[in-house]
Amino acid sequence: MSIDPRRLRFLLAVARAGGVLAAADELAVTPSAVSQQLAKLEAETRRSLVRRTPTGTVLTDAGRLLVEAAEDIERLLQETETRLMPDDTGPAGTIRIGGFYSFFAVVLLPAFPEWRERMPRLQVELVEEDQDELLRRLRAGDIDVAVLELDAEETPRALPSRMTEIPLLDEPWQVVLPAGAVAAADPVNLSRLGLPWLGVHPSAAGAQALRRVRRATGNDEPTVHAYVETQTALALVAAGEGAALIPSLALRGPTPPGIETLDLPGIGHRRIVLRRYEGRRVPESVDLAASLVREAAAAISFESRS
């Protein structure tokens, strides 16, 4: 099998734009040129890569696999271009990345010193807001990219036109309990914890995951308290107020004494994704911000990462 890598950008454009016509517009070529390149790519791979439906173009399993490879190549090229830039022509100005505390603290901020050394004329600003506000600011152009959290087991929602979603990390949810709440020798039964679940802000991925886990275990008892930040949840657990469903990334920093974590099978994962806009009129800062976020996320690993 011999694949011409130049054709991958056509498949990538179709995947991101949702169809041949929209991809042709983004690439400033004719729809016929896009279709020809797709046909040649399918001939080279000997696989069907796309399936046309009344509502657009859908990737096959082989197409999704090739798109993932194309995104990896694109990211590596962007990172290489950034590294090759001399200081006097390196990126300058400000990029704004929206997101949430645990991703900032564990993934992005450790990369800041190296970014400052590599790109001294670039200013990176972090914007912490709830997800609805991050999406509003992304639509308004107030931030270049938004890093969001999702419950990986939930059905994905359709994205607005020209907005794309790039998976960054999958991390397991963990049950956090007050120390000693469960005897070490006893098997853990989430339907009979003997503790209430802590409530979480409804816009957070943890709220979706908690509803799913409670449905699966037949738990219809009311939750107690209502937290937004995971640090608040951990403090409540340490005080003996209840159990919480916490993503692994949030447990990599300092945690209060008096808690224990259970990594249980079957409770799913939190998916961290990057959302951005694509198109010829999108500022270059968006490409740079997306590249840096993906670079930092690639340095984080979980045993269950997909």
C-alpha atoms as a PDB file:
ATOM      1  CA  MET A   1       0.000   0.000   0.000  1.00  0.00           C
ATOM      2  CA  SER A   2       1.387   3.387  -1.049  1.00  0.00           C
ATOM      3  CA  ILE A   3      -0.496   6.494   0.142  1.00  0.00           C
ATOM      4  CA  ASP A   4       0.256   9.934  -1.229  1.00  0.00           C
ATOM      5  CA  PRO A   5       0.195  12.047   1.966  1.00  0.00           C
ATOM      6  CA  ARG A   6      -0.784  15.147  -0.037  1.00  0.00           C
ATOM      7  CA  ARG A   7      -4.235  13.651  -0.519  1.00  0.00           C
ATOM      8  CA  LEU A   8      -4.864  13.408   3.235  1.00  0.00           C
ATOM      9  CA  ARG A   9      -5.733  17.105   3.513  1.00  0.00           C
ATOM     10  CA  PHE A  10      -8.733  16.525   1.234  1.00  0.00           C
ATOM     11  CA  LEU A  11     -10.059  13.716   3.438  1.00  0.00           C
ATOM     12  CA  LEU A  12      -9.377  15.825   6.532  1.00  0.00           C
ATOM     13  CA  ALA A  13     -11.283  18.763   5.043  1.00  0.00           C
ATOM     14  CA  VAL A  14     -14.268  16.539   4.224  1.00  0.00           C
ATOM     15  CA  ALA A  15     -14.267  15.124   7.754  1.00  0.00           C
ATOM     16  CA  ARG A  16     -14.165  18.573   9.344  1.00  0.00           C
ATOM     17  CA  ALA A  17     -16.569  20.323   6.974  1.00  0.00           C
ATOM     18  CA  GLY A  18     -19.067  17.462   6.753  1.00  0.00           C
ATOM     19  CA  GLY A  19     -19.222  17.149   2.986  1.00  0.00           C
ATOM     20  CA  VAL A  20     -17.463  17.505  -0.361  1.00  0.00           C
ATOM     21  CA  LEU A  21     -18.997  20.880  -1.257  1.00  0.00           C
ATOM     22  CA  ALA A  22     -18.080  22.478   2.074  1.00  0.00           C
ATOM     23  CA  ALA A  23     -14.583  20.963   1.912  1.00  0.00           C
ATOM     24  CA  ALA A  24     -14.088  22.369  -1.580  1.00  0.00           C
ATOM     25  CA  ASP A  25     -15.057  25.808  -0.316  1.00  0.00           C
ATOM     26  CA  GLU A  26     -12.593  25.580   2.576  1.00  0.00           C
ATOM     27  CA  LEU A  27      -9.774  24.412   0.273  1.00  0.00           C
ATOM     28  CA  ALA A  28     -10.642  26.905  -2.494  1.00  0.00           C
ATOM     29  CA  VAL A  29     -10.872  24.131  -5.117  1.00  0.00           C
ATOM     30  CA  THR A  30     -13.730  22.625  -7.102  1.00  0.00           C
ATOM     31  CA  PRO A  31     -15.920  19.829  -5.656  1.00  0.00           C
ATOM     32  CA  SER A  32     -14.765  17.671  -8.568  1.00  0.00           C
ATOM     33  CA  ALA A  33     -11.139  18.079  -7.442  1.00  0.00           C
ATOM     34  CA  VAL A  34     -12.044  16.957  -3.910  1.00  0.00           C
ATOM     35  CA  SER A  35     -13.964  13.922  -5.227  1.00  0.00           C
ATOM     36  CA  GLN A  36     -11.069  12.962  -7.498  1.00  0.00           C
ATOM     37  CA  GLN A  37      -8.569  13.105  -4.655  1.00  0.00           C
ATOM     38  CA  LEU A  38     -10.871  11.008  -2.440  1.00  0.00           C
ATOM     39  CA  ALA A  39     -11.267   8.436  -5.215  1.00  0.00           C
ATOM     40  CA  LYS A  40      -7.493   8.206  -5.669  1.00  0.00           C
ATOM     41  CA  LEU A  41      -7.014   7.880  -1.905  1.00  0.00           C
ATOM     42  CA  GLU A  42      -9.554   5.055  -1.797  1.00  0.00           C
ATOM     43  CA  ALA A  43      -7.742   3.360  -4.670  1.00  0.00           C
ATOM     44  CA  GLU A  44      -4.411   3.693  -2.849  1.00  0.00           C
ATOM     45  CA  THR A  45      -5.802   2.277   0.400  1.00  0.00           C
ATOM     46  CA  ARG A  46      -8.130  -0.223  -1.287  1.00  0.00           C
ATOM     47  CA  ARG A  47     -10.761   0.821   1.239  1.00  0.00           C
ATOM     48  CA  SER A  48     -13.987   2.789   1.131  1.00  0.00           C
ATOM     49  CA  LEU A  49     -13.264   5.929   3.169  1.00  0.00           C
ATOM     50  CA  VAL A  50     -16.523   7.898   3.012  1.00  0.00           C
ATOM     51  CA  ARG A  51     -20.208   7.154   2.703  1.00  0.00           C
ATOM     52  CA  ARG A  52     -22.547   9.760   1.246  1.00  0.00           C
ATOM     53  CA  THR A  53     -25.906  10.247   2.973  1.00  0.00           C
ATOM     54  CA  PRO A  54     -28.806  12.683   2.405  1.00  0.00           C
ATOM     55  CA  THR A  55     -27.485  14.874   5.234  1.00  0.00           C
ATOM     56  CA  GLY A  56     -23.800  14.868   4.327  1.00  0.00           C
ATOM     57  CA  THR A  57     -20.710  12.708   4.080  1.00  0.00           C
ATOM     58  CA  VAL A  58     -19.947  10.140   6.805  1.00  0.00           C
ATOM     59  CA  LEU A  59     -16.571   8.526   7.382  1.00  0.00           C
ATOM     60  CA  THR A  60     -16.254   4.757   7.346  1.00  0.00           C
ATOM     61  CA  ASP A  61     -14.144   3.013  10.003  1.00  0.00           C
ATOM     62  CA  ALA A  62     -11.200   3.048   7.584  1.00  0.00           C
ATOM     63  CA  GLY A  63     -11.839   6.728   6.893  1.00  0.00           C
ATOM     64  CA  ARG A  64     -11.819   7.596  10.591  1.00  0.00           C
ATOM     65  CA  LEU A  65      -8.548   5.710  11.040  1.00  0.00           C
ATOM     66  CA  LEU A  66      -6.954   7.624   8.175  1.00  0.00           C
ATOM     67  CA  VAL A  67      -8.291  10.960   9.467  1.00  0.00           C
ATOM     68  CA  GLU A  68      -6.666  10.261  12.861  1.00  0.00           C
ATOM     69  CA  ALA A  69      -3.364   9.661  11.058  1.00  0.00           C
ATOM     70  CA  ALA A  70      -3.838  12.864   9.046  1.00  0.00           C
ATOM     71  CA  GLU A  71      -4.476  14.846  12.243  1.00  0.00           C
ATOM     72  CA  ASP A  72      -1.317  13.415  13.796  1.00  0.00           C
ATOM     73  CA  ILE A  73       0.700  14.404  10.722  1.00  0.00           C
ATOM     74  CA  GLU A  74      -0.859  17.883  10.740  1.00  0.00           C
ATOM     75  CA  ARG A  75      -0.058  18.345  14.428  1.00  0.00           C
ATOM     76  CA  LEU A  76       3.547  17.186  14.005  1.00  0.00           C
ATOM     77  CA  LEU A  77       4.068  19.529  11.054  1.00  0.00           C
ATOM     78  CA  GLN A  78       2.606  22.468  13.005  1.00  0.00           C
ATOM     79  CA  GLU A  79       4.842  21.699  15.979  1.00  0.00           C
ATOM     80  CA  THR A  80       7.888  21.359  13.723  1.00  0.00           C
ATOM     81  CA  GLU A  81       7.148  24.645  11.969  1.00  0.00           C
ATOM     82  CA  THR A  82       6.842  26.361  15.332  1.00  0.00           C
ATOM     83  CA  ARG A  83      10.155  24.912  16.536  1.00  0.00           C
ATOM     84  CA  LEU A  84      11.963  25.900  13.330  1.00  0.00           C
ATOM     85  CA  MET A  85      10.937  29.543  13.555  1.00  0.00           C
ATOM     86  CA  PRO A  86      13.836  31.802  14.599  1.00  0.00           C
ATOM     87  CA  ASP A  87      13.140  34.085  17.541  1.00  0.00           C
ATOM     88  CA  ASP A  88      12.862  37.223  15.410  1.00  0.00           C
ATOM     89  CA  THR A  89      10.172  35.711  13.175  1.00  0.00           C
ATOM     90  CA  GLY A  90       8.513  33.437  15.711  1.00  0.00           C
ATOM     91  CA  PRO A  91       4.857  33.744  16.623  1.00  0.00           C
ATOM     92  CA  ALA A  92       3.950  36.997  18.291  1.00  0.00           C
ATOM     93  CA  GLY A  93       0.834  38.409  19.851  1.00  0.00           C
ATOM     94  CA  THR A  94      -1.695  36.744  22.128  1.00  0.00           C
ATOM     95  CA  ILE A  95      -3.590  33.469  21.971  1.00  0.00           C
ATOM     96  CA  ARG A  96      -6.478  32.750  24.335  1.00  0.00           C
ATOM     97  CA  ILE A  97      -7.298  29.233  25.488  1.00  0.00           C
ATOM     98  CA  GLY A  98     -10.545  28.543  27.320  1.00  0.00           C
ATOM     99  CA  GLY A  99     -10.873  25.613  29.679  1.00  0.00           C
ATOM    100  CA  PHE A 100     -11.112  24.370  33.246  1.00  0.00           C
ATOM    101  CA  TYR A 101      -8.901  24.087  36.315  1.00  0.00           C
ATOM    102  CA  SER A 102      -7.601  20.515  36.234  1.00  0.00           C
ATOM    103  CA  PHE A 103      -6.605  20.717  32.553  1.00  0.00           C
ATOM    104  CA  PHE A 104      -4.889  24.056  33.087  1.00  0.00           C
ATOM    105  CA  ALA A 105      -3.060  22.941  36.240  1.00  0.00           C
ATOM    106  CA  VAL A 106      -1.941  19.476  35.143  1.00  0.00           C
ATOM    107  CA  VAL A 107      -1.598  19.772  31.357  1.00  0.00           C
ATOM    108  CA  LEU A 108      -1.043  23.353  30.181  1.00  0.00           C
ATOM    109  CA  LEU A 109       0.751  25.252  32.939  1.00  0.00           C
ATOM    110  CA  PRO A 110       3.676  22.786  33.149  1.00  0.00           C
ATOM    111  CA  ALA A 111       4.321  23.556  29.461  1.00  0.00           C
ATOM    112  CA  PHE A 112       4.424  27.339  29.938  1.00  0.00           C
ATOM    113  CA  PRO A 113       8.170  27.655  30.765  1.00  0.00           C
ATOM    114  CA  GLU A 114       9.164  25.779  27.599  1.00  0.00           C
ATOM    115  CA  TRP A 115       6.697  27.791  25.498  1.00  0.00           C
ATOM    116  CA  ARG A 116       8.119  31.072  26.858  1.00  0.00           C
ATOM    117  CA  GLU A 117      11.641  29.970  25.980  1.00  0.00           C
ATOM    118  CA  ARG A 118      10.667  28.758  22.521  1.00  0.00           C
ATOM    119  CA  MET A 119       8.294  31.595  21.625  1.00  0.00           C
ATOM    120  CA  PRO A 120       9.309  34.642  23.670  1.00  0.00           C
ATOM    121  CA  ARG A 121       7.101  37.027  21.700  1.00  0.00           C
ATOM    122  CA  LEU A 122       3.947  34.973  22.250  1.00  0.00           C
ATOM    123  CA  GLN A 123       1.547  35.620  25.133  1.00  0.00           C
ATOM    124  CA  VAL A 124      -0.703  32.728  26.168  1.00  0.00           C
ATOM    125  CA  GLU A 125      -3.787  33.679  28.158  1.00  0.00           C
ATOM    126  CA  LEU A 126      -5.991  31.149  29.939  1.00  0.00           C
ATOM    127  CA  VAL A 127      -9.703  31.798  30.363  1.00  0.00           C
ATOM    128  CA  GLU A 128     -11.542  29.719  32.978  1.00  0.00           C
ATOM    129  CA  GLU A 129     -15.339  29.647  32.647  1.00  0.00           C
ATOM    130  CA  ASP A 130     -18.172  27.135  32.715  1.00  0.00           C
ATOM    131  CA  GLN A 131     -18.759  25.278  29.467  1.00  0.00           C
ATOM    132  CA  ASP A 132     -21.745  27.286  28.266  1.00  0.00           C
ATOM    133  CA  GLU A 133     -19.792  30.521  28.667  1.00  0.00           C
ATOM    134  CA  LEU A 134     -16.716  29.053  26.968  1.00  0.00           C
ATOM    135  CA  LEU A 135     -18.789  28.088  23.944  1.00  0.00           C
ATOM    136  CA  ARG A 136     -20.382  31.549  23.839  1.00  0.00           C
ATOM    137  CA  ARG A 137     -16.952  33.174  23.906  1.00  0.00           C
ATOM    138  CA  LEU A 138     -15.668  30.778  21.240  1.00  0.00           C
ATOM    139  CA  ARG A 139     -18.569  31.735  18.962  1.00  0.00           C
ATOM    140  CA  ALA A 140     -17.907  35.417  19.635  1.00  0.00           C
ATOM    141  CA  GLY A 141     -14.190  35.064  18.868  1.00  0.00           C
ATOM    142  CA  ASP A 142     -13.160  36.091  22.392  1.00  0.00           C
ATOM    143  CA  ILE A 143     -11.089  32.912  22.722  1.00  0.00           C
ATOM    144  CA  ASP A 144      -9.235  30.976  20.032  1.00  0.00           C
ATOM    145  CA  VAL A 145     -10.027  27.450  21.239  1.00  0.00           C
ATOM    146  CA  ALA A 146     -12.089  25.886  24.016  1.00  0.00           C
ATOM    147  CA  VAL A 147     -11.101  22.799  25.997  1.00  0.00           C
ATOM    148  CA  LEU A 148     -14.219  21.019  27.237  1.00  0.00           C
ATOM    149  CA  GLU A 149     -15.033  17.940  29.302  1.00  0.00           C
ATOM    150  CA  LEU A 150     -17.600  15.314  28.264  1.00  0.00           C
ATOM    151  CA  ASP A 151     -18.808  12.034  29.652  1.00  0.00           C
ATOM    152  CA  ALA A 152     -17.392   9.635  27.067  1.00  0.00           C
ATOM    153  CA  GLU A 153     -20.342   7.254  27.448  1.00  0.00           C
ATOM    154  CA  GLU A 154     -22.916   9.876  26.428  1.00  0.00           C
ATOM    155  CA  THR A 155     -24.125  10.219  22.815  1.00  0.00           C
ATOM    156  CA  PRO A 156     -22.186  13.010  21.058  1.00  0.00           C
ATOM    157  CA  ARG A 157     -24.184  16.063  20.001  1.00  0.00           C
ATOM    158  CA  ALA A 158     -24.093  17.607  16.542  1.00  0.00           C
ATOM    159  CA  LEU A 159     -21.698  20.555  16.285  1.00  0.00           C
ATOM    160  CA  PRO A 160     -22.496  23.942  14.762  1.00  0.00           C
ATOM    161  CA  SER A 161     -21.352  24.630  11.213  1.00  0.00           C
ATOM    162  CA  ARG A 162     -17.551  24.980  10.840  1.00  0.00           C
ATOM    163  CA  MET A 163     -16.917  23.993  14.474  1.00  0.00           C
ATOM    164  CA  THR A 164     -14.752  20.893  14.888  1.00  0.00           C
ATOM    165  CA  GLU A 165     -13.989  18.735  17.896  1.00  0.00           C
ATOM    166  CA  ILE A 166     -10.592  17.123  18.460  1.00  0.00           C
ATOM    167  CA  PRO A 167     -10.237  14.435  21.187  1.00  0.00           C
ATOM    168  CA  LEU A 168      -7.340  15.129  23.544  1.00  0.00           C
ATOM    169  CA  LEU A 169      -7.568  12.704  26.472  1.00  0.00           C
ATOM    170  CA  ASP A 170      -9.760   9.927  27.831  1.00  0.00           C
ATOM    171  CA  GLU A 171      -9.365   9.426  31.558  1.00  0.00           C
ATOM    172  CA  PRO A 172     -11.193   7.060  33.913  1.00  0.00           C
ATOM    173  CA  TRP A 173     -13.723   8.350  36.413  1.00  0.00           C
ATOM    174  CA  GLN A 174     -12.899   7.344  39.977  1.00  0.00           C
ATOM    175  CA  VAL A 175     -15.075   7.042  43.052  1.00  0.00           C
ATOM    176  CA  VAL A 176     -13.752   9.092  45.966  1.00  0.00           C
ATOM    177  CA  LEU A 177     -14.839   8.150  49.490  1.00  0.00           C
ATOM    178  CA  PRO A 178     -14.021   9.229  53.043  1.00  0.00           C
ATOM    179  CA  ALA A 179     -11.100   7.138  54.319  1.00  0.00           C
ATOM    180  CA  GLY A 180     -12.298   3.946  55.983  1.00  0.00           C
ATOM    181  CA  ALA A 181     -15.808   4.150  54.541  1.00  0.00           C
ATOM    182  CA  VAL A 182     -15.367   0.773  52.851  1.00  0.00           C
ATOM    183  CA  ALA A 183     -13.576  -2.172  54.419  1.00  0.00           C
ATOM    184  CA  ALA A 184     -10.579  -3.155  52.339  1.00  0.00           C
ATOM    185  CA  ALA A 185     -11.604  -6.808  52.226  1.00  0.00           C
ATOM    186  CA  ASP A 186     -15.177  -6.155  51.105  1.00  0.00           C
ATOM    187  CA  PRO A 187     -16.147  -5.902  47.434  1.00  0.00           C
ATOM    188  CA  VAL A 188     -17.448  -2.455  46.579  1.00  0.00           C
ATOM    189  CA  ASN A 189     -21.143  -2.260  45.677  1.00  0.00           C
ATOM    190  CA  LEU A 190     -22.094   1.197  44.408  1.00  0.00           C
ATOM    191  CA  SER A 191     -25.784   0.464  44.975  1.00  0.00           C
ATOM    192  CA  ARG A 192     -25.130   0.047  48.721  1.00  0.00           C
ATOM    193  CA  LEU A 193     -22.412   2.555  49.560  1.00  0.00           C
ATOM    194  CA  GLY A 194     -24.136   3.787  52.699  1.00  0.00           C
ATOM    195  CA  LEU A 195     -23.152   7.329  51.715  1.00  0.00           C
ATOM    196  CA  PRO A 196     -24.986   9.983  49.694  1.00  0.00           C
ATOM    197  CA  TRP A 197     -23.545  11.163  46.403  1.00  0.00           C
ATOM    198  CA  LEU A 198     -22.392  14.758  46.234  1.00  0.00           C
ATOM    199  CA  GLY A 199     -24.243  16.926  43.740  1.00  0.00           C
ATOM    200  CA  VAL A 200     -22.340  18.575  40.890  1.00  0.00           C
ATOM    201  CA  HIS A 201     -23.164  21.537  38.645  1.00  0.00           C
ATOM    202  CA  PRO A 202     -25.455  20.269  35.846  1.00  0.00           C
ATOM    203  CA  SER A 203     -23.272  21.669  33.049  1.00  0.00           C
ATOM    204  CA  ALA A 204     -20.262  19.575  34.106  1.00  0.00           C
ATOM    205  CA  ALA A 205     -19.410  16.208  32.562  1.00  0.00           C
ATOM    206  CA  GLY A 206     -19.383  14.798  36.092  1.00  0.00           C
ATOM    207  CA  ALA A 207     -23.119  15.481  36.381  1.00  0.00           C
ATOM    208  CA  GLN A 208     -23.822  13.392  33.283  1.00  0.00           C
ATOM    209  CA  ALA A 209     -21.562  10.595  34.497  1.00  0.00           C
ATOM    210  CA  LEU A 210     -23.106  10.607  37.965  1.00  0.00           C
ATOM    211  CA  ARG A 211     -26.636  10.368  36.550  1.00  0.00           C
ATOM    212  CA  ARG A 212     -25.523   7.442  34.402  1.00  0.00           C
ATOM    213  CA  VAL A 213     -23.858   5.597  37.285  1.00  0.00           C
ATOM    214  CA  ARG A 214     -26.806   6.187  39.608  1.00  0.00           C
ATOM    215  CA  ARG A 215     -29.254   4.897  36.979  1.00  0.00           C
ATOM    216  CA  ALA A 216     -27.115   1.795  36.472  1.00  0.00           C
ATOM    217  CA  THR A 217     -27.005   1.076  40.213  1.00  0.00           C
ATOM    218  CA  GLY A 218     -30.655   1.888  40.890  1.00  0.00           C
ATOM    219  CA  ASN A 219     -29.771   4.752  43.262  1.00  0.00           C
ATOM    220  CA  ASP A 220     -32.602   7.282  43.459  1.00  0.00           C
ATOM    221  CA  GLU A 221     -31.612   8.893  46.766  1.00  0.00           C
ATOM    222  CA  PRO A 222     -31.183  12.680  46.548  1.00  0.00           C
ATOM    223  CA  THR A 223     -27.677  14.100  46.271  1.00  0.00           C
ATOM    224  CA  VAL A 224     -26.286  16.422  48.928  1.00  0.00           C
ATOM    225  CA  HIS A 225     -24.526  19.765  48.480  1.00  0.00           C
ATOM    226  CA  ALA A 226     -23.799  21.187  45.018  1.00  0.00           C
ATOM    227  CA  TYR A 227     -20.217  21.785  43.919  1.00  0.00           C
ATOM    228  CA  VAL A 228     -18.553  23.254  40.832  1.00  0.00           C
ATOM    229  CA  GLU A 229     -14.823  22.732  41.465  1.00  0.00           C
ATOM    230  CA  THR A 230     -13.368  19.298  42.183  1.00  0.00           C
ATOM    231  CA  GLN A 231     -11.338  20.763  45.064  1.00  0.00           C
ATOM    232  CA  THR A 232     -14.639  21.533  46.791  1.00  0.00           C
ATOM    233  CA  ALA A 233     -15.842  17.981  46.203  1.00  0.00           C
ATOM    234  CA  LEU A 234     -12.640  16.520  47.658  1.00  0.00           C
ATOM    235  CA  ALA A 235     -12.934  18.741  50.749  1.00  0.00           C
ATOM    236  CA  LEU A 236     -16.545  17.611  51.238  1.00  0.00           C
ATOM    237  CA  VAL A 237     -15.539  13.964  50.920  1.00  0.00           C
ATOM    238  CA  ALA A 238     -12.688  14.457  53.407  1.00  0.00           C
ATOM    239  CA  ALA A 239     -15.241  15.927  55.828  1.00  0.00           C
ATOM    240  CA  GLY A 240     -17.301  12.744  55.552  1.00  0.00           C
ATOM    241  CA  GLU A 241     -20.193  14.402  53.699  1.00  0.00           C
ATOM    242  CA  GLY A 242     -20.539  11.851  50.925  1.00  0.00           C
ATOM    243  CA  ALA A 243     -19.024  10.153  47.867  1.00  0.00           C
ATOM    244  CA  ALA A 244     -18.030  11.839  44.599  1.00  0.00           C
ATOM    245  CA  LEU A 245     -17.243  10.823  41.035  1.00  0.00           C
ATOM    246  CA  ILE A 246     -13.945  12.533  40.153  1.00  0.00           C
ATOM    247  CA  PRO A 247     -11.849  12.328  36.962  1.00  0.00           C
ATOM    248  CA  SER A 248      -8.327  10.953  37.338  1.00  0.00           C
ATOM    249  CA  LEU A 249      -6.666  14.142  36.100  1.00  0.00           C
ATOM    250  CA  ALA A 250      -8.130  16.112  39.012  1.00  0.00           C
ATOM    251  CA  LEU A 251      -6.476  13.689  41.442  1.00  0.00           C
ATOM    252  CA  ARG A 252      -2.947  14.269  40.142  1.00  0.00           C
ATOM    253  CA  GLY A 253      -2.485  17.414  42.208  1.00  0.00           C
ATOM    254  CA  PRO A 254      -2.517  17.777  45.999  1.00  0.00           C
ATOM    255  CA  THR A 255      -5.507  16.101  47.649  1.00  0.00           C
ATOM    256  CA  PRO A 256      -6.745  16.605  51.210  1.00  0.00           C
ATOM    257  CA  PRO A 257      -6.057  13.913  53.825  1.00  0.00           C
ATOM    258  CA  GLY A 258      -8.908  11.654  54.801  1.00  0.00           C
ATOM    259  CA  ILE A 259      -9.990  10.412  51.371  1.00  0.00           C
ATOM    260  CA  GLU A 260      -9.470   7.242  49.384  1.00  0.00           C
ATOM    261  CA  THR A 261     -10.059   6.578  45.686  1.00  0.00           C
ATOM    262  CA  LEU A 262     -11.514   3.537  43.992  1.00  0.00           C
ATOM    263  CA  ASP A 263     -10.689   2.800  40.371  1.00  0.00           C
ATOM    264  CA  LEU A 264     -13.699   0.626  39.546  1.00  0.00           C
ATOM    265  CA  PRO A 265     -14.406  -1.058  36.191  1.00  0.00           C
ATOM    266  CA  GLY A 266     -17.501  -0.099  34.282  1.00  0.00           C
ATOM    267  CA  ILE A 267     -17.985   3.496  35.413  1.00  0.00           C
ATOM    268  CA  GLY A 268     -16.615   5.004  32.213  1.00  0.00           C
ATOM    269  CA  HIS A 269     -14.333   7.872  31.269  1.00  0.00           C
ATOM    270  CA  ARG A 270     -14.196  11.613  31.052  1.00  0.00           C
ATOM    271  CA  ARG A 271     -13.294  12.755  27.554  1.00  0.00           C
ATOM    272  CA  ILE A 272     -11.417  16.024  27.158  1.00  0.00           C
ATOM    273  CA  VAL A 273     -11.827  17.620  23.741  1.00  0.00           C
ATOM    274  CA  LEU A 274     -10.705  20.760  21.956  1.00  0.00           C
ATOM    275  CA  ARG A 275     -13.259  22.728  19.977  1.00  0.00           C
ATOM    276  CA  ARG A 276     -12.340  25.312  17.389  1.00  0.00           C
ATOM    277  CA  TYR A 277     -13.575  26.852  14.169  1.00  0.00           C
ATOM    278  CA  GLU A 278     -12.185  25.945  10.744  1.00  0.00           C
ATOM    279  CA  GLY A 279     -12.129  27.961   7.539  1.00  0.00           C
ATOM    280  CA  ARG A 280     -10.188  30.430   5.444  1.00  0.00           C
ATOM    281  CA  ARG A 281     -11.251  33.383   7.594  1.00  0.00           C
ATOM    282  CA  VAL A 282     -10.153  31.805  10.880  1.00  0.00           C
ATOM    283  CA  PRO A 283      -7.182  33.685  12.427  1.00  0.00           C
ATOM    284  CA  GLU A 284      -3.773  32.014  12.472  1.00  0.00           C
ATOM    285  CA  SER A 285      -3.864  32.243  16.267  1.00  0.00           C
ATOM    286  CA  VAL A 286      -6.493  29.478  16.280  1.00  0.00           C
ATOM    287  CA  ASP A 287      -4.144  27.043  14.512  1.00  0.00           C
ATOM    288  CA  LEU A 288      -1.315  27.912  16.878  1.00  0.00           C
ATOM    289  CA  ALA A 289      -3.467  27.606  19.995  1.00  0.00           C
ATOM    290  CA  ALA A 290      -4.830  24.229  18.858  1.00  0.00           C
ATOM    291  CA  SER A 291      -1.325  22.973  18.080  1.00  0.00           C
ATOM    292  CA  LEU A 292       0.048  23.975  21.487  1.00  0.00           C
ATOM    293  CA  VAL A 293      -2.878  22.449  23.381  1.00  0.00           C
ATOM    294  CA  ARG A 294      -2.536  19.160  21.499  1.00  0.00           C
ATOM    295  CA  GLU A 295       1.222  19.163  22.061  1.00  0.00           C
ATOM    296  CA  ALA A 296       0.739  19.553  25.828  1.00  0.00           C
ATOM    297  CA  ALA A 297      -2.007  16.929  25.984  1.00  0.00           C
ATOM    298  CA  ALA A 298       0.165  14.418  24.122  1.00  0.00           C
ATOM    299  CA  ALA A 299       2.588  14.474  27.072  1.00  0.00           C
ATOM    300  CA  ILE A 300      -0.116  13.168  29.441  1.00  0.00           C
ATOM    301  CA  SER A 301      -0.840   9.455  29.541  1.00  0.00           C
ATOM    302  CA  PHE A 302      -3.414   7.191  31.139  1.00  0.00           C
ATOM    303  CA  GLU A 303      -3.500   3.426  30.969  1.00  0.00           C
ATOM    304  CA  SER A 304      -6.976   3.676  29.472  1.00  0.00           C
ATOM    305  CA  ARG A 305      -6.221   6.472  27.032  1.00  0.00           C
ATOM    306  CA  SER A 306      -7.607   5.702  23.586  1.00  0.00           C
END
